[in-house]
Every structure is written in C-alpha cells, then in structure tokens.
PDB file of N, CA and C in Angstrom:
ATOM      1  N   MET A   1       8.902  -6.253  -8.760  1.00  0.00           N
ATOM      2  CA  MET A   1       8.848  -5.973  -7.342  1.00  0.00           C
ATOM      3  C   MET A   1       8.917  -4.478  -7.059  1.00  0.00           C
ATOM      4  N   THR A   2       9.631  -3.736  -7.873  1.00  0.00           N
ATOM      5  CA  THR A   2       9.682  -2.295  -7.663  1.00  0.00           C
ATOM      6  C   THR A   2       8.607  -1.615  -8.496  1.00  0.00           C
ATOM      7  N   ILE A   3       8.284  -0.426  -8.108  1.00  0.00           N
ATOM      8  CA  ILE A   3       7.254   0.333  -8.800  1.00  0.00           C
ATOM      9  C   ILE A   3       7.940   1.285  -9.776  1.00  0.00           C
ATOM     10  N   LEU A   4       7.519   1.274 -11.025  1.00  0.00           N
ATOM     11  CA  LEU A   4       8.070   2.184 -12.013  1.00  0.00           C
ATOM     12  C   LEU A   4       7.610   3.613 -11.737  1.00  0.00           C
ATOM     13  N   LYS A   5       8.369   4.576 -12.216  1.00  0.00           N
ATOM     14  CA  LYS A   5       8.099   5.983 -11.930  1.00  0.00           C
ATOM     15  C   LYS A   5       6.710   6.404 -12.411  1.00  0.00           C
ATOM     16  N   ASN A   6       6.346   6.042 -13.649  1.00  0.00           N
ATOM     17  CA  ASN A   6       5.037   6.454 -14.161  1.00  0.00           C
ATOM     18  C   ASN A   6       3.898   5.736 -13.435  1.00  0.00           C
ATOM     19  N   GLU A   7       4.148   4.503 -12.993  1.00  0.00           N
ATOM     20  CA  GLU A   7       3.153   3.764 -12.217  1.00  0.00           C
ATOM     21  C   GLU A   7       2.932   4.433 -10.857  1.00  0.00           C
ATOM     22  N   LYS A   8       4.046   4.857 -10.253  1.00  0.00           N
ATOM     23  CA  LYS A   8       3.985   5.516  -8.951  1.00  0.00           C
ATOM     24  C   LYS A   8       3.247   6.852  -9.053  1.00  0.00           C
ATOM     25  N   GLU A   9       3.524   7.624 -10.117  1.00  0.00           N
ATOM     26  CA  GLU A   9       2.845   8.903 -10.316  1.00  0.00           C
ATOM     27  C   GLU A   9       1.343   8.705 -10.498  1.00  0.00           C
ATOM     28  N   LYS A  10       0.955   7.655 -11.209  1.00  0.00           N
ATOM     29  CA  LYS A  10      -0.463   7.366 -11.423  1.00  0.00           C
ATOM     30  C   LYS A  10      -1.156   7.045 -10.099  1.00  0.00           C
ATOM     31  N   ILE A  11      -0.500   6.244  -9.265  1.00  0.00           N
ATOM     32  CA  ILE A  11      -1.071   5.892  -7.954  1.00  0.00           C
ATOM     33  C   ILE A  11      -1.206   7.136  -7.095  1.00  0.00           C
ATOM     34  N   ILE A  12      -0.179   7.972  -7.090  1.00  0.00           N
ATOM     35  CA  ILE A  12      -0.229   9.204  -6.289  1.00  0.00           C
ATOM     36  C   ILE A  12      -1.366  10.101  -6.771  1.00  0.00           C
ATOM     37  N   ASN A  13      -1.520  10.236  -8.090  1.00  0.00           N
ATOM     38  CA  ASN A  13      -2.607  11.070  -8.627  1.00  0.00           C
ATOM     39  C   ASN A  13      -3.982  10.521  -8.287  1.00  0.00           C
ATOM     40  N   ASP A  14      -4.111   9.205  -8.201  1.00  0.00           N
ATOM     41  CA  ASP A  14      -5.401   8.603  -7.879  1.00  0.00           C
ATOM     42  C   ASP A  14      -5.797   8.799  -6.418  1.00  0.00           C
ATOM     43  N   PHE A  15      -4.823   8.874  -5.516  1.00  0.00           N
ATOM     44  CA  PHE A  15      -5.130   8.870  -4.090  1.00  0.00           C
ATOM     45  C   PHE A  15      -4.775  10.155  -3.349  1.00  0.00           C
ATOM     46  N   LYS A  16      -4.247  11.157  -4.043  1.00  0.00           N
ATOM     47  CA  LYS A  16      -3.842  12.379  -3.344  1.00  0.00           C
ATOM     48  C   LYS A  16      -5.057  13.178  -2.877  1.00  0.00           C
ATOM     49  N   LEU A  17      -4.855  13.917  -1.792  1.00  0.00           N
ATOM     50  CA  LEU A  17      -5.934  14.697  -1.188  1.00  0.00           C
ATOM     51  C   LEU A  17      -5.956  16.125  -1.711  1.00  0.00           C
ATOM     52  N   HIS A  18      -4.813  16.648  -2.102  1.00  0.00           N
ATOM     53  CA  HIS A  18      -4.697  17.989  -2.661  1.00  0.00           C
ATOM     54  C   HIS A  18      -3.571  17.978  -3.689  1.00  0.00           C
ATOM     55  N   PRO A  19      -3.437  19.009  -4.507  1.00  0.00           N
ATOM     56  CA  PRO A  19      -2.482  18.974  -5.631  1.00  0.00           C
ATOM     57  C   PRO A  19      -1.022  18.706  -5.248  1.00  0.00           C
ATOM     58  N   GLN A  20      -0.581  19.124  -4.093  1.00  0.00           N
ATOM     59  CA  GLN A  20       0.815  18.940  -3.689  1.00  0.00           C
ATOM     60  C   GLN A  20       1.042  17.696  -2.836  1.00  0.00           C
ATOM     61  N   ASP A  21       0.029  16.883  -2.664  1.00  0.00           N
ATOM     62  CA  ASP A  21       0.075  15.742  -1.751  1.00  0.00           C
ATOM     63  C   ASP A  21       0.861  14.570  -2.345  1.00  0.00           C
ATOM     64  N   THR A  22       1.905  14.144  -1.633  1.00  0.00           N
ATOM     65  CA  THR A  22       2.627  12.940  -2.027  1.00  0.00           C
ATOM     66  C   THR A  22       2.854  12.007  -0.847  1.00  0.00           C
ATOM     67  N   GLY A  23       2.501  12.438   0.359  1.00  0.00           N
ATOM     68  CA  GLY A  23       2.844  11.626   1.522  1.00  0.00           C
ATOM     69  C   GLY A  23       1.740  11.407   2.520  1.00  0.00           C
ATOM     70  N   SER A  24       0.496  11.664   2.149  1.00  0.00           N
ATOM     71  CA  SER A  24      -0.586  11.427   3.103  1.00  0.00           C
ATOM     72  C   SER A  24      -0.737   9.933   3.343  1.00  0.00           C
ATOM     73  N   ALA A  25      -1.456   9.586   4.381  1.00  0.00           N
ATOM     74  CA  ALA A  25      -1.615   8.177   4.745  1.00  0.00           C
ATOM     75  C   ALA A  25      -2.253   7.378   3.622  1.00  0.00           C
ATOM     76  N   SER A  26      -3.241   7.937   2.943  1.00  0.00           N
ATOM     77  CA  SER A  26      -3.907   7.186   1.876  1.00  0.00           C
ATOM     78  C   SER A  26      -2.969   6.921   0.704  1.00  0.00           C
ATOM     79  N   VAL A  27      -2.119   7.875   0.359  1.00  0.00           N
ATOM     80  CA  VAL A  27      -1.139   7.674  -0.722  1.00  0.00           C
ATOM     81  C   VAL A  27      -0.124   6.611  -0.312  1.00  0.00           C
ATOM     82  N   GLN A  28       0.363   6.687   0.917  1.00  0.00           N
ATOM     83  CA  GLN A  28       1.339   5.712   1.392  1.00  0.00           C
ATOM     84  C   GLN A  28       0.754   4.305   1.411  1.00  0.00           C
ATOM     85  N   ILE A  29      -0.501   4.183   1.836  1.00  0.00           N
ATOM     86  CA  ILE A  29      -1.156   2.877   1.884  1.00  0.00           C
ATOM     87  C   ILE A  29      -1.304   2.319   0.474  1.00  0.00           C
ATOM     88  N   ALA A  30      -1.676   3.164  -0.482  1.00  0.00           N
ATOM     89  CA  ALA A  30      -1.844   2.711  -1.867  1.00  0.00           C
ATOM     90  C   ALA A  30      -0.504   2.239  -2.447  1.00  0.00           C
ATOM     91  N   LEU A  31       0.576   2.978  -2.184  1.00  0.00           N
ATOM     92  CA  LEU A  31       1.892   2.579  -2.680  1.00  0.00           C
ATOM     93  C   LEU A  31       2.361   1.276  -2.027  1.00  0.00           C
ATOM     94  N   LEU A  32       2.130   1.155  -0.727  1.00  0.00           N
ATOM     95  CA  LEU A  32       2.510  -0.079  -0.040  1.00  0.00           C
ATOM     96  C   LEU A  32       1.718  -1.271  -0.565  1.00  0.00           C
ATOM     97  N   THR A  33       0.441  -1.052  -0.850  1.00  0.00           N
ATOM     98  CA  THR A  33      -0.387  -2.130  -1.374  1.00  0.00           C
ATOM     99  C   THR A  33       0.128  -2.616  -2.721  1.00  0.00           C
ATOM    100  N   THR A  34       0.561  -1.698  -3.565  1.00  0.00           N
ATOM    101  CA  THR A  34       1.120  -2.071  -4.854  1.00  0.00           C
ATOM    102  C   THR A  34       2.393  -2.892  -4.676  1.00  0.00           C
ATOM    103  N   ARG A  35       3.267  -2.468  -3.771  1.00  0.00           N
ATOM    104  CA  ARG A  35       4.494  -3.213  -3.509  1.00  0.00           C
ATOM    105  C   ARG A  35       4.194  -4.583  -2.914  1.00  0.00           C
ATOM    106  N   ILE A  36       3.200  -4.651  -2.016  1.00  0.00           N
ATOM    107  CA  ILE A  36       2.826  -5.918  -1.391  1.00  0.00           C
ATOM    108  C   ILE A  36       2.297  -6.891  -2.438  1.00  0.00           C
ATOM    109  N   ASN A  37       1.468  -6.400  -3.350  1.00  0.00           N
ATOM    110  CA  ASN A  37       0.935  -7.265  -4.401  1.00  0.00           C
ATOM    111  C   ASN A  37       2.057  -7.795  -5.296  1.00  0.00           C
ATOM    112  N   GLY A  38       3.018  -6.954  -5.619  1.00  0.00           N
ATOM    113  CA  GLY A  38       4.153  -7.389  -6.436  1.00  0.00           C
ATOM    114  C   GLY A  38       4.998  -8.443  -5.737  1.00  0.00           C
ATOM    115  N   LEU A  39       5.260  -8.232  -4.454  1.00  0.00           N
ATOM    116  CA  LEU A  39       6.043  -9.207  -3.698  1.00  0.00           C
ATOM    117  C   LEU A  39       5.285 -10.519  -3.526  1.00  0.00           C
ATOM    118  N   THR A  40       3.989 -10.438  -3.383  1.00  0.00           N
ATOM    119  CA  THR A  40       3.177 -11.645  -3.253  1.00  0.00           C
ATOM    120  C   THR A  40       3.289 -12.496  -4.511  1.00  0.00           C
ATOM    121  N   GLU A  41       3.213 -11.849  -5.671  1.00  0.00           N
ATOM    122  CA  GLU A  41       3.369 -12.572  -6.936  1.00  0.00           C
ATOM    123  C   GLU A  41       4.762 -13.185  -7.047  1.00  0.00           C
ATOM    124  N   HIS A  42       5.773 -12.448  -6.619  1.00  0.00           N
ATOM    125  CA  HIS A  42       7.150 -12.947  -6.653  1.00  0.00           C
ATOM    126  C   HIS A  42       7.288 -14.194  -5.777  1.00  0.00           C
ATOM    127  N   LEU A  43       6.677 -14.139  -4.582  1.00  0.00           N
ATOM    128  CA  LEU A  43       6.816 -15.253  -3.654  1.00  0.00           C
ATOM    129  C   LEU A  43       6.017 -16.479  -4.083  1.00  0.00           C
ATOM    130  N   LYS A  44       5.012 -16.297  -4.929  1.00  0.00           N
ATOM    131  CA  LYS A  44       4.297 -17.458  -5.454  1.00  0.00           C
ATOM    132  C   LYS A  44       5.209 -18.283  -6.357  1.00  0.00           C
ATOM    133  N   MET A  45       6.099 -17.604  -7.074  1.00  0.00           N
ATOM    134  CA  MET A  45       7.026 -18.295  -7.970  1.00  0.00           C
ATOM    135  C   MET A  45       8.277 -18.782  -7.233  1.00  0.00           C
ATOM    136  N   HIS A  46       8.754 -17.990  -6.274  1.00  0.00           N
ATOM    137  CA  HIS A  46       9.991 -18.291  -5.557  1.00  0.00           C
ATOM    138  C   HIS A  46       9.659 -18.562  -4.091  1.00  0.00           C
ATOM    139  N   LYS A  47       9.219 -19.769  -3.826  1.00  0.00           N
ATOM    140  CA  LYS A  47       8.709 -20.108  -2.496  1.00  0.00           C
ATOM    141  C   LYS A  47       9.773 -20.068  -1.392  1.00  0.00           C
ATOM    142  N   LYS A  48      11.031 -20.233  -1.741  1.00  0.00           N
ATOM    143  CA  LYS A  48      12.084 -20.299  -0.730  1.00  0.00           C
ATOM    144  C   LYS A  48      12.849 -18.983  -0.558  1.00  0.00           C
ATOM    145  N   ASP A  49      12.321 -17.906  -1.088  1.00  0.00           N
ATOM    146  CA  ASP A  49      12.965 -16.601  -0.969  1.00  0.00           C
ATOM    147  C   ASP A  49      12.557 -15.977   0.365  1.00  0.00           C
ATOM    148  N   PHE A  50      13.260 -16.365   1.414  1.00  0.00           N
ATOM    149  CA  PHE A  50      12.858 -15.973   2.752  1.00  0.00           C
ATOM    150  C   PHE A  50      13.176 -14.514   3.066  1.00  0.00           C
ATOM    151  N   SER A  51      14.200 -13.938   2.463  1.00  0.00           N
ATOM    152  CA  SER A  51      14.507 -12.533   2.730  1.00  0.00           C
ATOM    153  C   SER A  51      13.404 -11.636   2.149  1.00  0.00           C
ATOM    154  N   SER A  52      12.869 -12.007   1.001  1.00  0.00           N
ATOM    155  CA  SER A  52      11.744 -11.236   0.450  1.00  0.00           C
ATOM    156  C   SER A  52      10.496 -11.416   1.301  1.00  0.00           C
ATOM    157  N   ARG A  53      10.347 -12.598   1.870  1.00  0.00           N
ATOM    158  CA  ARG A  53       9.195 -12.854   2.741  1.00  0.00           C
ATOM    159  C   ARG A  53       9.248 -11.963   3.975  1.00  0.00           C
ATOM    160  N   VAL A  54      10.440 -11.787   4.532  1.00  0.00           N
ATOM    161  CA  VAL A  54      10.602 -10.915   5.694  1.00  0.00           C
ATOM    162  C   VAL A  54      10.263  -9.476   5.310  1.00  0.00           C
ATOM    163  N   GLY A  55      10.741  -9.044   4.146  1.00  0.00           N
ATOM    164  CA  GLY A  55      10.415  -7.703   3.667  1.00  0.00           C
ATOM    165  C   GLY A  55       8.922  -7.526   3.455  1.00  0.00           C
ATOM    166  N   LEU A  56       8.258  -8.553   2.947  1.00  0.00           N
ATOM    167  CA  LEU A  56       6.814  -8.505   2.742  1.00  0.00           C
ATOM    168  C   LEU A  56       6.098  -8.345   4.074  1.00  0.00           C
ATOM    169  N   LEU A  57       6.522  -9.094   5.075  1.00  0.00           N
ATOM    170  CA  LEU A  57       5.890  -8.989   6.391  1.00  0.00           C
ATOM    171  C   LEU A  57       6.079  -7.594   6.990  1.00  0.00           C
ATOM    172  N   GLN A  58       7.238  -6.992   6.745  1.00  0.00           N
ATOM    173  CA  GLN A  58       7.480  -5.632   7.234  1.00  0.00           C
ATOM    174  C   GLN A  58       6.557  -4.633   6.538  1.00  0.00           C
ATOM    175  N   LEU A  59       6.377  -4.795   5.222  1.00  0.00           N
ATOM    176  CA  LEU A  59       5.490  -3.896   4.480  1.00  0.00           C
ATOM    177  C   LEU A  59       4.046  -4.043   4.945  1.00  0.00           C
ATOM    178  N   VAL A  60       3.615  -5.285   5.178  1.00  0.00           N
ATOM    179  CA  VAL A  60       2.248  -5.528   5.637  1.00  0.00           C
ATOM    180  C   VAL A  60       2.036  -4.904   7.012  1.00  0.00           C
ATOM    181  N   SER A  61       3.037  -5.014   7.879  1.00  0.00           N
ATOM    182  CA  SER A  61       2.945  -4.429   9.212  1.00  0.00           C
ATOM    183  C   SER A  61       2.857  -2.904   9.144  1.00  0.00           C
ATOM    184  N   LYS A  62       3.667  -2.300   8.287  1.00  0.00           N
ATOM    185  CA  LYS A  62       3.647  -0.842   8.139  1.00  0.00           C
ATOM    186  C   LYS A  62       2.300  -0.380   7.600  1.00  0.00           C
ATOM    187  N   ARG A  63       1.772  -1.105   6.596  1.00  0.00           N
ATOM    188  CA  ARG A  63       0.474  -0.745   6.042  1.00  0.00           C
ATOM    189  C   ARG A  63      -0.615  -0.886   7.101  1.00  0.00           C
ATOM    190  N   SER A  64      -0.527  -1.911   7.927  1.00  0.00           N
ATOM    191  CA  SER A  64      -1.509  -2.120   8.989  1.00  0.00           C
ATOM    192  C   SER A  64      -1.497  -0.957   9.981  1.00  0.00           C
ATOM    193  N   ARG A  65      -0.304  -0.487  10.338  1.00  0.00           N
ATOM    194  CA  ARG A  65      -0.208   0.651  11.263  1.00  0.00           C
ATOM    195  C   ARG A  65      -0.787   1.918  10.638  1.00  0.00           C
ATOM    196  N   LEU A  66      -0.519   2.132   9.348  1.00  0.00           N
ATOM    197  CA  LEU A  66      -1.075   3.303   8.658  1.00  0.00           C
ATOM    198  C   LEU A  66      -2.598   3.215   8.564  1.00  0.00           C
ATOM    199  N   LEU A  67      -3.106   2.010   8.324  1.00  0.00           N
ATOM    200  CA  LEU A  67      -4.561   1.828   8.265  1.00  0.00           C
ATOM    201  C   LEU A  67      -5.205   2.098   9.626  1.00  0.00           C
ATOM    202  N   ASP A  68      -4.553   1.654  10.700  1.00  0.00           N
ATOM    203  CA  ASP A  68      -5.070   1.931  12.041  1.00  0.00           C
ATOM    204  C   ASP A  68      -5.110   3.428  12.315  1.00  0.00           C
ATOM    205  N   TYR A  69      -4.056   4.128  11.908  1.00  0.00           N
ATOM    206  CA  TYR A  69      -4.012   5.584  12.073  1.00  0.00           C
ATOM    207  C   TYR A  69      -5.138   6.251  11.288  1.00  0.00           C
ATOM    208  N   LEU A  70      -5.314   5.837  10.029  1.00  0.00           N
ATOM    209  CA  LEU A  70      -6.343   6.437   9.187  1.00  0.00           C
ATOM    210  C   LEU A  70      -7.736   6.156   9.738  1.00  0.00           C
ATOM    211  N   LYS A  71      -7.931   4.967  10.268  1.00  0.00           N
ATOM    212  CA  LYS A  71      -9.236   4.609  10.855  1.00  0.00           C
ATOM    213  C   LYS A  71      -9.547   5.505  12.052  1.00  0.00           C
ATOM    214  N   LYS A  72      -8.515   5.791  12.837  1.00  0.00           N
ATOM    215  CA  LYS A  72      -8.693   6.636  14.019  1.00  0.00           C
ATOM    216  C   LYS A  72      -8.959   8.093  13.631  1.00  0.00           C
ATOM    217  N   GLU A  73      -8.290   8.572  12.581  1.00  0.00           N
ATOM    218  CA  GLU A  73      -8.381   9.975  12.192  1.00  0.00           C
ATOM    219  C   GLU A  73      -9.573  10.276  11.283  1.00  0.00           C
ATOM    220  N   ASP A  74      -9.847   9.418  10.298  1.00  0.00           N
ATOM    221  CA  ASP A  74     -10.875   9.713   9.297  1.00  0.00           C
ATOM    222  C   ASP A  74     -11.509   8.408   8.822  1.00  0.00           C
ATOM    223  N   LEU A  75     -12.600   8.024   9.466  1.00  0.00           N
ATOM    224  CA  LEU A  75     -13.242   6.742   9.209  1.00  0.00           C
ATOM    225  C   LEU A  75     -13.800   6.646   7.795  1.00  0.00           C
ATOM    226  N   LYS A  76     -14.335   7.744   7.282  1.00  0.00           N
ATOM    227  CA  LYS A  76     -14.916   7.732   5.936  1.00  0.00           C
ATOM    228  C   LYS A  76     -13.849   7.436   4.875  1.00  0.00           C
ATOM    229  N   THR A  77     -12.720   8.126   4.944  1.00  0.00           N
ATOM    230  CA  THR A  77     -11.619   7.908   4.005  1.00  0.00           C
ATOM    231  C   THR A  77     -11.083   6.487   4.142  1.00  0.00           C
ATOM    232  N   TYR A  78     -11.022   6.004   5.358  1.00  0.00           N
ATOM    233  CA  TYR A  78     -10.552   4.645   5.632  1.00  0.00           C
ATOM    234  C   TYR A  78     -11.414   3.609   4.901  1.00  0.00           C
ATOM    235  N   LYS A  79     -12.722   3.737   5.034  1.00  0.00           N
ATOM    236  CA  LYS A  79     -13.624   2.777   4.395  1.00  0.00           C
ATOM    237  C   LYS A  79     -13.555   2.869   2.871  1.00  0.00           C
ATOM    238  N   GLU A  80     -13.464   4.087   2.344  1.00  0.00           N
ATOM    239  CA  GLU A  80     -13.343   4.263   0.891  1.00  0.00           C
ATOM    240  C   GLU A  80     -12.044   3.637   0.370  1.00  0.00           C
ATOM    241  N   LEU A  81     -10.965   3.814   1.110  1.00  0.00           N
ATOM    242  CA  LEU A  81      -9.675   3.278   0.705  1.00  0.00           C
ATOM    243  C   LEU A  81      -9.689   1.748   0.698  1.00  0.00           C
ATOM    244  N   LEU A  82     -10.309   1.145   1.707  1.00  0.00           N
ATOM    245  CA  LEU A  82     -10.405  -0.310   1.750  1.00  0.00           C
ATOM    246  C   LEU A  82     -11.158  -0.848   0.540  1.00  0.00           C
ATOM    247  N   GLU A  83     -12.215  -0.159   0.148  1.00  0.00           N
ATOM    248  CA  GLU A  83     -12.989  -0.600  -1.014  1.00  0.00           C
ATOM    249  C   GLU A  83     -12.193  -0.431  -2.308  1.00  0.00           C
ATOM    250  N   LYS A  84     -11.525   0.710  -2.467  1.00  0.00           N
ATOM    251  CA  LYS A  84     -10.751   0.984  -3.680  1.00  0.00           C
ATOM    252  C   LYS A  84      -9.627  -0.016  -3.880  1.00  0.00           C
ATOM    253  N   LEU A  85      -8.947  -0.369  -2.807  1.00  0.00           N
ATOM    254  CA  LEU A  85      -7.763  -1.212  -2.900  1.00  0.00           C
ATOM    255  C   LEU A  85      -8.057  -2.691  -2.685  1.00  0.00           C
ATOM    256  N   ASN A  86      -9.302  -3.041  -2.404  1.00  0.00           N
ATOM    257  CA  ASN A  86      -9.691  -4.433  -2.141  1.00  0.00           C
ATOM    258  C   ASN A  86      -8.874  -5.040  -0.998  1.00  0.00           C
ATOM    259  N   ILE A  87      -8.814  -4.299   0.087  1.00  0.00           N
ATOM    260  CA  ILE A  87      -8.112  -4.791   1.290  1.00  0.00           C
ATOM    261  C   ILE A  87      -9.172  -5.246   2.265  1.00  0.00           C
ATOM    262  N   ARG A  88      -8.987  -6.422   2.809  1.00  0.00           N
ATOM    263  CA  ARG A  88      -9.927  -6.839   3.843  1.00  0.00           C
ATOM    264  C   ARG A  88      -9.266  -6.584   5.194  1.00  0.00           C
ATOM    265  N   LYS A  89     -10.019  -6.044   6.086  1.00  0.00           N
ATOM    266  CA  LYS A  89      -9.476  -5.674   7.392  1.00  0.00           C
ATOM    267  C   LYS A  89     -10.450  -6.106   8.428  1.00  0.00           C
TER     268      LYS A  89
END
C-alpha cells in the first residue's frame, strides 16, 4: 500500500518537468495513481476493510481535483498524462 523510496524516486524522475521538480501537478497525479492502484489491489483481497476504502475515495477525489486543474492549465500535458497512466476521464 505504501510506495517504497526508490519506487517513488523513479516515478518522480519519469514525470518531473525540470530537474528540481518534486511537486508539480503531474508528479502528484502519478504518485496518487500508484497509491490508488496499490489500495485497489488491497481491497480486492480485503473486501470489508472500510477504513481503507474511505482513504481510497479521498485519494481518488484529490487526484480528480488535480486532473481538473491540469486540464484547465495545460491541456496537452493533461492528455499525455492520461495516456501514460492509463486513466480514463
């Protein structure tokens, strides 16, 4: 469910916009997507884990808000990110 340090660094390197970038919308969306995928797998095995389900819904909501922001600010990056991460919107 958590992201390992080297996994997180790899995701940041794949989606960063400039060398010092760790918090742009695209990086945050990629990290949230990784956490969402992990929680989804967890919930497939543990169907009655409702506290994790609530956390998953919060992560999905946050990612949705970030995607809306990115769509408004930079449509090209938004479309590329959706394709890279296999997110349907």
